[in-house]
Structure formats: structure tokens, C-alpha cells
Amino acid sequence: MSKLKCNIGEYGVIINKKGEFLILKLPINKEFTKDMWMFPGGRLEKEEQPEIGLKREVLEETGLKIKIIAPLHTARWGIENPAKYSVFYLCKLSGGGPVKISVEHMDSKWVNFSDIEKIQWHNINSKIAAKKAKKYLAT
């Protein structure tokens, strides 16, 4: 039996005091030819614990500190080798001032859950995670 080799991405559905969530705009390039939005996050480093990796990625990409509440959604997508898996977490702000986006993104905005269908998501799994966050928060 062969061992699974993969890349793991961690993404945060970060909720502010108004009950909005944060999304980041991807740069337009060969892969993203129109405005596309995603949650803050990125790939885990080798031997990095998932929650530590997510907090690091969010801080690097937004300047924000977060508290992780619960996992929301896991997914595998694409035909990449090694495979790509992602885990989406519900998070809330725990520190930091206004969003300071990194050079990886073009813009940021806080969005109401009523606007999930209006967003041009870069991946269907982000939309699924947003819907699961909305359901989780409603309970």
C-alpha cells in the first residue's frame, strides 16, 4: 500500500462583531481571469499543527489575530499531484486593527451572510464553507 502525499490548506471564515465574514480578492492572472474571492489562509508548513498554521497564515495575509471556534468543511479538489486538501474553520477576531492585506491579494471586504450567492468565489468549497458557517451560527 502506498502512502498518501498531499498539500493541506487551512482557511478561516472569520467573523467580526457585526456578524460579517472576511474575504480576500485574488490578483487577476493566468489562473484567475476575473475578480475572484477567497477566505484568508494557505498551506501548512511541514510538521506544522493545523490551528497554528491557520493563525500564522491569517496574520501574514491580513494582520489579524483569530480564535478558532470549530472546523466547518473539508474538501479535496483539482487533479494536482500531490493532491490538495483543505480544511475550513469558523473563527472570530481576537486582535489586530484594520485589515492589512499582503501582496498575495488585491483587496479585502467584510460581507454579510445574505450575500453568499453574490460572491464570485474562486472555489466552490469556499461557498460551501460560508453556507456551513451561516448554519452553524444560526444554531
Protein backbone atom coordinates (compact mmCIF):
# COMPACT_ATOMS: atom_id res chain seq x y z
CA MET A 1 0.00 0.00 0.00
CA SER A 2 1.42 3.41 -0.96
CA LYS A 3 1.37 6.42 1.35
CA LEU A 4 -0.79 9.41 0.55
CA LYS A 5 1.18 12.56 -0.25
CA CYS A 6 -0.74 15.81 -0.29
CA ASN A 7 -0.78 19.55 0.29
CA ILE A 8 -3.11 20.79 3.02
CA GLY A 9 -4.64 24.25 3.02
CA GLU A 10 -6.23 25.86 6.06
CA TYR A 11 -8.78 28.66 5.62
CA GLY A 12 -10.67 30.81 8.11
CA VAL A 13 -14.25 32.00 7.91
CA ILE A 14 -13.50 34.96 10.20
CA ILE A 15 -16.48 36.65 11.83
CA ASN A 16 -16.38 40.26 13.11
CA LYS A 17 -18.55 41.86 15.81
CA LYS A 18 -21.17 42.81 13.20
CA GLY A 19 -21.56 39.16 12.17
CA GLU A 20 -19.86 39.70 8.80
CA PHE A 21 -17.14 37.47 7.33
CA LEU A 22 -13.88 38.47 5.66
CA ILE A 23 -12.96 37.64 2.07
CA LEU A 24 -9.83 38.47 0.05
CA LYS A 25 -9.63 39.31 -3.65
CA LEU A 26 -7.19 37.29 -5.72
CA PRO A 27 -4.98 39.01 -8.32
CA ILE A 28 -6.01 38.61 -11.94
CA ASN A 29 -3.56 36.28 -13.71
CA LYS A 30 -3.50 33.15 -15.92
CA GLU A 31 -5.34 31.12 -13.29
CA PHE A 32 -7.86 33.78 -12.20
CA THR A 33 -9.01 35.75 -15.23
CA LYS A 34 -11.73 37.74 -13.44
CA ASP A 35 -12.41 39.03 -9.94
CA MET A 36 -12.37 36.04 -7.59
CA TRP A 37 -12.64 35.97 -3.80
CA MET A 38 -11.45 33.55 -1.14
CA PHE A 39 -11.07 33.20 2.63
CA PRO A 40 -7.77 34.05 4.31
CA GLY A 41 -5.46 31.08 4.77
CA GLY A 42 -2.96 28.93 2.98
CA ARG A 43 -0.84 25.82 3.05
CA LEU A 44 0.51 24.23 6.17
CA GLU A 45 4.25 24.07 6.54
CA LYS A 46 5.87 20.68 7.08
CA GLU A 47 5.19 19.38 10.61
CA GLU A 48 3.05 22.44 11.49
CA GLN A 49 -0.05 21.90 13.62
CA PRO A 50 -3.27 22.89 11.76
CA GLU A 51 -4.53 25.60 14.12
CA ILE A 52 -1.08 27.16 14.45
CA GLY A 53 -0.72 27.15 10.65
CA LEU A 54 -4.08 28.83 10.14
CA LYS A 55 -3.33 31.53 12.71
CA ARG A 56 0.05 32.17 11.04
CA GLU A 57 -1.47 32.38 7.55
CA VAL A 58 -4.27 34.73 8.65
CA LEU A 59 -1.80 37.01 10.44
CA GLU A 60 0.52 37.06 7.38
CA GLU A 61 -2.32 37.78 4.93
CA THR A 62 -4.45 40.21 6.97
CA GLY A 63 -2.58 41.38 10.07
CA LEU A 64 -5.44 39.96 12.17
CA LYS A 65 -5.35 37.61 15.14
CA ILE A 66 -8.06 34.99 15.37
CA LYS A 67 -9.60 32.49 17.74
CA ILE A 68 -10.60 29.23 16.07
CA ILE A 69 -14.10 28.09 17.03
CA ALA A 70 -14.72 24.89 15.05
CA PRO A 71 -13.92 23.08 11.80
CA LEU A 72 -16.66 23.64 9.19
CA HIS A 73 -15.77 21.85 5.97
CA THR A 74 -13.09 19.65 4.43
CA ALA A 75 -12.50 19.14 0.74
CA ARG A 76 -10.25 17.72 -1.92
CA TRP A 77 -10.14 19.32 -5.33
CA GLY A 78 -8.25 19.51 -8.54
CA ILE A 79 -6.10 16.92 -10.24
CA GLU A 80 -2.84 18.11 -8.75
CA ASN A 81 -0.19 15.63 -7.76
CA PRO A 82 0.26 15.63 -4.86
CA ALA A 83 -3.43 16.02 -4.07
CA LYS A 84 -4.76 19.21 -2.46
CA TYR A 85 -6.95 19.06 0.62
CA SER A 86 -8.40 21.99 2.52
CA VAL A 87 -9.98 22.48 5.90
CA PHE A 88 -12.18 25.50 6.58
CA TYR A 89 -12.61 26.74 10.16
CA LEU A 90 -15.09 29.10 11.77
CA CYS A 91 -13.07 31.83 13.52
CA LYS A 92 -13.63 35.09 15.34
CA LEU A 93 -11.39 38.11 15.67
CA SER A 94 -9.22 38.20 18.79
CA GLY A 95 -6.89 41.07 17.92
CA GLY A 96 -5.40 43.32 15.32
CA GLY A 97 -6.59 46.55 13.84
CA PRO A 98 -7.94 47.16 10.38
CA VAL A 99 -7.21 44.52 7.73
CA LYS A 100 -3.76 44.91 6.19
CA ILE A 101 -3.66 42.65 3.15
CA SER A 102 -0.44 41.06 1.96
CA VAL A 103 0.96 41.26 -1.56
CA GLU A 104 -0.82 37.97 -2.33
CA HIS A 105 -4.20 39.72 -2.58
CA MET A 106 -5.67 42.83 -4.18
CA ASP A 107 -8.43 43.80 -1.76
CA SER A 108 -10.47 42.70 1.25
CA LYS A 109 -14.02 43.20 2.40
CA TRP A 110 -16.38 42.20 5.16
CA VAL A 111 -19.53 40.59 3.79
CA ASN A 112 -22.97 39.75 5.16
CA PHE A 113 -24.06 36.12 5.04
CA SER A 114 -27.06 37.21 2.96
CA ASP A 115 -24.59 37.95 0.11
CA ILE A 116 -23.03 34.45 -0.17
CA GLU A 117 -24.65 33.82 -3.57
CA LYS A 118 -23.45 37.17 -4.99
CA ILE A 119 -19.74 36.49 -4.40
CA GLN A 120 -17.51 35.30 -7.26
CA TRP A 121 -15.84 32.50 -5.26
CA HIS A 122 -12.54 31.12 -6.51
CA ASN A 123 -13.63 27.63 -5.49
CA ILE A 124 -17.00 26.03 -4.73
CA ASN A 125 -15.66 24.79 -1.39
CA SER A 126 -15.36 28.35 -0.09
CA LYS A 127 -19.04 28.90 -0.85
CA ILE A 128 -19.94 25.63 0.88
CA ALA A 129 -17.90 26.66 3.94
CA ALA A 130 -19.67 30.06 4.06
CA LYS A 131 -23.05 28.34 3.98
CA LYS A 132 -22.00 25.94 6.74
CA ALA A 133 -20.76 28.87 8.85
CA LYS A 134 -24.13 30.60 8.42
CA LYS A 135 -25.94 27.45 9.53
CA TYR A 136 -23.55 26.92 12.47
CA LEU A 137 -24.05 30.49 13.69
CA ALA A 138 -27.84 30.19 13.42
CA THR A 139 -27.95 27.29 15.90
